[in-house]
Amino acid sequence: MTGIVVLAAASDPRPDDNNVVAGWVGFAVLIALIIAVVFILRSFTKQLKKVDKAEQAGVYGDKPADADSEPPTTTERDR
């Protein structure tokens, strides 16, 4: 039984800490994820701006906001 453990330990050498690296593929994946998050955040910001403009125009059943008046507060909007 001990012979099997010795053979298994000898046939499966542990890599050195300097031999294990992410490399260029890991770096490229990280950069691609960062770029994707930036594009998603930009798109999300644009969509929120569209929602604000639509709300001010009265698309959601509220009264359209006048150019001179202030936007309604949450308590006025909930009435």
N, C-alpha and C. Protein backbone atom coordinates (compact mmCIF):
# COMPACT_ATOMS: atom_id res chain seq x y z
N MET A 1 0.82 -1.18 0.00
CA MET A 1 0.00 0.00 0.00
C MET A 1 0.87 1.26 0.00
N THR A 2 1.94 1.26 0.76
CA THR A 2 2.81 2.43 0.80
C THR A 2 3.54 2.62 -0.53
N GLY A 3 3.72 1.54 -1.27
CA GLY A 3 4.36 1.63 -2.58
C GLY A 3 3.53 2.44 -3.55
N ILE A 4 2.19 2.33 -3.46
CA ILE A 4 1.30 3.09 -4.35
C ILE A 4 1.39 4.58 -4.03
N VAL A 5 1.44 4.93 -2.75
CA VAL A 5 1.53 6.33 -2.36
C VAL A 5 2.85 6.93 -2.84
N VAL A 6 3.93 6.16 -2.71
CA VAL A 6 5.23 6.64 -3.15
C VAL A 6 5.25 6.82 -4.66
N LEU A 7 4.66 5.88 -5.41
CA LEU A 7 4.61 6.00 -6.87
C LEU A 7 3.75 7.19 -7.30
N ALA A 8 2.64 7.41 -6.61
CA ALA A 8 1.77 8.53 -6.95
C ALA A 8 2.47 9.85 -6.68
N ALA A 9 3.19 9.94 -5.58
CA ALA A 9 3.91 11.17 -5.25
C ALA A 9 5.05 11.42 -6.22
N ALA A 10 5.68 10.38 -6.69
CA ALA A 10 6.80 10.54 -7.61
C ALA A 10 6.33 10.87 -9.02
N SER A 11 5.16 10.41 -9.42
CA SER A 11 4.70 10.64 -10.79
C SER A 11 3.97 11.97 -10.95
N ASP A 12 3.59 12.61 -9.87
CA ASP A 12 2.85 13.87 -9.95
C ASP A 12 3.63 14.96 -9.23
N PRO A 13 4.67 15.50 -9.90
CA PRO A 13 5.49 16.50 -9.23
C PRO A 13 4.72 17.82 -9.08
N ARG A 14 4.99 18.47 -8.01
CA ARG A 14 4.35 19.75 -7.73
C ARG A 14 5.09 20.85 -8.49
N PRO A 15 4.35 21.74 -9.17
CA PRO A 15 5.05 22.79 -9.92
C PRO A 15 5.67 23.82 -8.99
N ASP A 16 6.71 24.43 -9.46
CA ASP A 16 7.38 25.48 -8.73
C ASP A 16 6.51 26.75 -8.75
N ASP A 17 6.62 27.60 -7.74
CA ASP A 17 5.83 28.83 -7.70
C ASP A 17 6.15 29.74 -8.87
N ASN A 18 7.35 29.71 -9.38
CA ASN A 18 7.73 30.56 -10.50
C ASN A 18 7.21 30.02 -11.84
N ASN A 19 6.80 28.79 -11.89
CA ASN A 19 6.33 28.19 -13.13
C ASN A 19 4.84 28.43 -13.36
N VAL A 20 4.09 28.82 -12.35
CA VAL A 20 2.66 29.01 -12.47
C VAL A 20 2.36 30.50 -12.64
N VAL A 21 1.97 30.88 -13.86
CA VAL A 21 1.64 32.28 -14.15
C VAL A 21 0.38 32.31 -15.01
N ALA A 22 -0.32 33.43 -14.97
CA ALA A 22 -1.53 33.58 -15.79
C ALA A 22 -1.16 33.80 -17.25
N GLY A 23 -0.12 34.53 -17.51
CA GLY A 23 0.34 34.75 -18.86
C GLY A 23 -0.47 35.82 -19.59
N TRP A 24 -0.24 35.87 -20.89
CA TRP A 24 -0.88 36.88 -21.72
C TRP A 24 -2.38 36.62 -21.90
N VAL A 25 -2.77 35.38 -21.87
CA VAL A 25 -4.20 35.06 -22.05
C VAL A 25 -4.99 35.60 -20.86
N GLY A 26 -4.51 35.41 -19.66
CA GLY A 26 -5.18 35.93 -18.48
C GLY A 26 -5.24 37.45 -18.49
N PHE A 27 -4.17 38.09 -18.93
CA PHE A 27 -4.14 39.54 -19.03
C PHE A 27 -5.15 40.04 -20.07
N ALA A 28 -5.23 39.36 -21.21
CA ALA A 28 -6.18 39.75 -22.26
C ALA A 28 -7.63 39.58 -21.79
N VAL A 29 -7.90 38.52 -21.06
CA VAL A 29 -9.26 38.29 -20.54
C VAL A 29 -9.61 39.39 -19.54
N LEU A 30 -8.69 39.76 -18.68
CA LEU A 30 -8.93 40.82 -17.70
C LEU A 30 -9.22 42.15 -18.40
N ILE A 31 -8.44 42.50 -19.40
CA ILE A 31 -8.66 43.75 -20.14
C ILE A 31 -10.00 43.71 -20.86
N ALA A 32 -10.35 42.58 -21.46
CA ALA A 32 -11.63 42.45 -22.15
C ALA A 32 -12.80 42.63 -21.19
N LEU A 33 -12.70 42.08 -20.00
CA LEU A 33 -13.76 42.25 -19.00
C LEU A 33 -13.88 43.71 -18.55
N ILE A 34 -12.77 44.37 -18.38
CA ILE A 34 -12.80 45.79 -17.99
C ILE A 34 -13.46 46.62 -19.08
N ILE A 35 -13.11 46.38 -20.34
CA ILE A 35 -13.71 47.11 -21.45
C ILE A 35 -15.21 46.83 -21.53
N ALA A 36 -15.61 45.59 -21.33
CA ALA A 36 -17.03 45.25 -21.37
C ALA A 36 -17.81 45.97 -20.28
N VAL A 37 -17.25 46.05 -19.09
CA VAL A 37 -17.93 46.75 -17.99
C VAL A 37 -18.06 48.23 -18.29
N VAL A 38 -17.05 48.83 -18.90
CA VAL A 38 -17.12 50.25 -19.25
C VAL A 38 -18.25 50.49 -20.26
N PHE A 39 -18.36 49.64 -21.29
CA PHE A 39 -19.42 49.80 -22.28
C PHE A 39 -20.80 49.58 -21.65
N ILE A 40 -20.92 48.63 -20.77
CA ILE A 40 -22.21 48.38 -20.11
C ILE A 40 -22.61 49.57 -19.24
N LEU A 41 -21.67 50.15 -18.52
CA LEU A 41 -21.97 51.31 -17.68
C LEU A 41 -22.36 52.52 -18.52
N ARG A 42 -21.69 52.72 -19.66
CA ARG A 42 -22.06 53.83 -20.54
C ARG A 42 -23.47 53.64 -21.08
N SER A 43 -23.80 52.43 -21.49
CA SER A 43 -25.14 52.15 -22.00
C SER A 43 -26.19 52.36 -20.92
N PHE A 44 -25.90 51.92 -19.72
CA PHE A 44 -26.83 52.07 -18.60
C PHE A 44 -27.08 53.55 -18.31
N THR A 45 -26.04 54.36 -18.35
CA THR A 45 -26.18 55.79 -18.12
C THR A 45 -27.05 56.43 -19.19
N LYS A 46 -26.86 56.05 -20.45
CA LYS A 46 -27.69 56.58 -21.53
C LYS A 46 -29.15 56.20 -21.34
N GLN A 47 -29.42 54.98 -20.94
CA GLN A 47 -30.79 54.54 -20.73
C GLN A 47 -31.45 55.30 -19.57
N LEU A 48 -30.70 55.56 -18.51
CA LEU A 48 -31.25 56.33 -17.40
C LEU A 48 -31.57 57.76 -17.81
N LYS A 49 -30.75 58.35 -18.69
CA LYS A 49 -31.03 59.69 -19.18
C LYS A 49 -32.30 59.69 -20.02
N LYS A 50 -32.52 58.64 -20.82
CA LYS A 50 -33.74 58.54 -21.62
C LYS A 50 -34.96 58.42 -20.72
N VAL A 51 -34.84 57.68 -19.64
CA VAL A 51 -35.96 57.52 -18.70
C VAL A 51 -36.29 58.86 -18.05
N ASP A 52 -35.28 59.62 -17.66
CA ASP A 52 -35.52 60.93 -17.05
C ASP A 52 -36.23 61.86 -18.03
N LYS A 53 -35.78 61.88 -19.29
CA LYS A 53 -36.42 62.74 -20.29
C LYS A 53 -37.86 62.31 -20.53
N ALA A 54 -38.11 61.01 -20.59
CA ALA A 54 -39.47 60.51 -20.80
C ALA A 54 -40.36 60.85 -19.62
N GLU A 55 -39.83 60.77 -18.42
CA GLU A 55 -40.61 61.11 -17.24
C GLU A 55 -40.96 62.59 -17.24
N GLN A 56 -40.03 63.43 -17.62
CA GLN A 56 -40.29 64.86 -17.68
C GLN A 56 -41.30 65.19 -18.77
N ALA A 57 -41.36 64.38 -19.83
CA ALA A 57 -42.31 64.60 -20.91
C ALA A 57 -43.70 64.07 -20.55
N GLY A 58 -43.82 63.32 -19.47
CA GLY A 58 -45.11 62.82 -19.04
C GLY A 58 -45.50 61.50 -19.67
N VAL A 59 -44.54 60.73 -20.12
CA VAL A 59 -44.82 59.45 -20.77
C VAL A 59 -45.40 58.44 -19.79
N TYR A 60 -45.02 58.51 -18.53
CA TYR A 60 -45.43 57.51 -17.56
C TYR A 60 -46.72 57.85 -16.82
N GLY A 61 -47.51 58.76 -17.36
CA GLY A 61 -48.79 59.09 -16.75
C GLY A 61 -48.73 60.28 -15.83
N ASP A 62 -47.55 60.81 -15.57
CA ASP A 62 -47.42 62.01 -14.76
C ASP A 62 -47.69 63.23 -15.64
N LYS A 63 -47.91 64.35 -14.99
CA LYS A 63 -48.05 65.59 -15.74
C LYS A 63 -46.69 65.97 -16.31
N PRO A 64 -46.65 66.47 -17.53
CA PRO A 64 -45.35 66.89 -18.07
C PRO A 64 -44.76 68.02 -17.24
N ALA A 65 -43.49 67.95 -17.01
CA ALA A 65 -42.81 68.98 -16.23
C ALA A 65 -42.58 70.20 -17.11
N ASP A 66 -42.92 71.39 -16.58
CA ASP A 66 -42.67 72.63 -17.31
C ASP A 66 -41.19 72.94 -17.25
N ALA A 67 -40.74 73.72 -18.18
CA ALA A 67 -39.32 74.07 -18.21
C ALA A 67 -38.95 74.95 -17.02
N ASP A 68 -39.92 75.77 -16.53
CA ASP A 68 -39.61 76.69 -15.43
C ASP A 68 -39.82 76.06 -14.06
N SER A 69 -40.59 75.01 -13.98
CA SER A 69 -40.90 74.44 -12.67
C SER A 69 -39.85 73.42 -12.26
N GLU A 70 -39.82 73.18 -10.95
CA GLU A 70 -38.90 72.19 -10.42
C GLU A 70 -39.50 70.80 -10.57
N PRO A 71 -38.68 69.76 -10.66
CA PRO A 71 -39.23 68.41 -10.74
C PRO A 71 -39.97 68.06 -9.46
N PRO A 72 -41.02 67.26 -9.53
CA PRO A 72 -41.79 66.93 -8.33
C PRO A 72 -40.99 66.07 -7.38
N THR A 73 -41.26 66.26 -6.10
CA THR A 73 -40.60 65.41 -5.11
C THR A 73 -41.32 64.07 -5.06
N THR A 74 -40.77 63.13 -4.35
CA THR A 74 -41.37 61.80 -4.31
C THR A 74 -42.74 61.82 -3.65
N THR A 75 -42.95 62.68 -2.67
CA THR A 75 -44.26 62.73 -2.01
C THR A 75 -45.31 63.33 -2.94
N GLU A 76 -44.94 64.33 -3.74
CA GLU A 76 -45.89 64.91 -4.69
C GLU A 76 -46.19 63.95 -5.82
N ARG A 77 -45.24 63.17 -6.21
CA ARG A 77 -45.39 62.24 -7.32
C ARG A 77 -46.28 61.05 -6.92
N ASP A 78 -46.26 60.67 -5.64
CA ASP A 78 -47.02 59.50 -5.17
C ASP A 78 -48.50 59.79 -4.94
N ARG A 79 -48.92 61.04 -4.98
CA ARG A 79 -50.32 61.39 -4.71
C ARG A 79 -51.23 60.95 -5.81
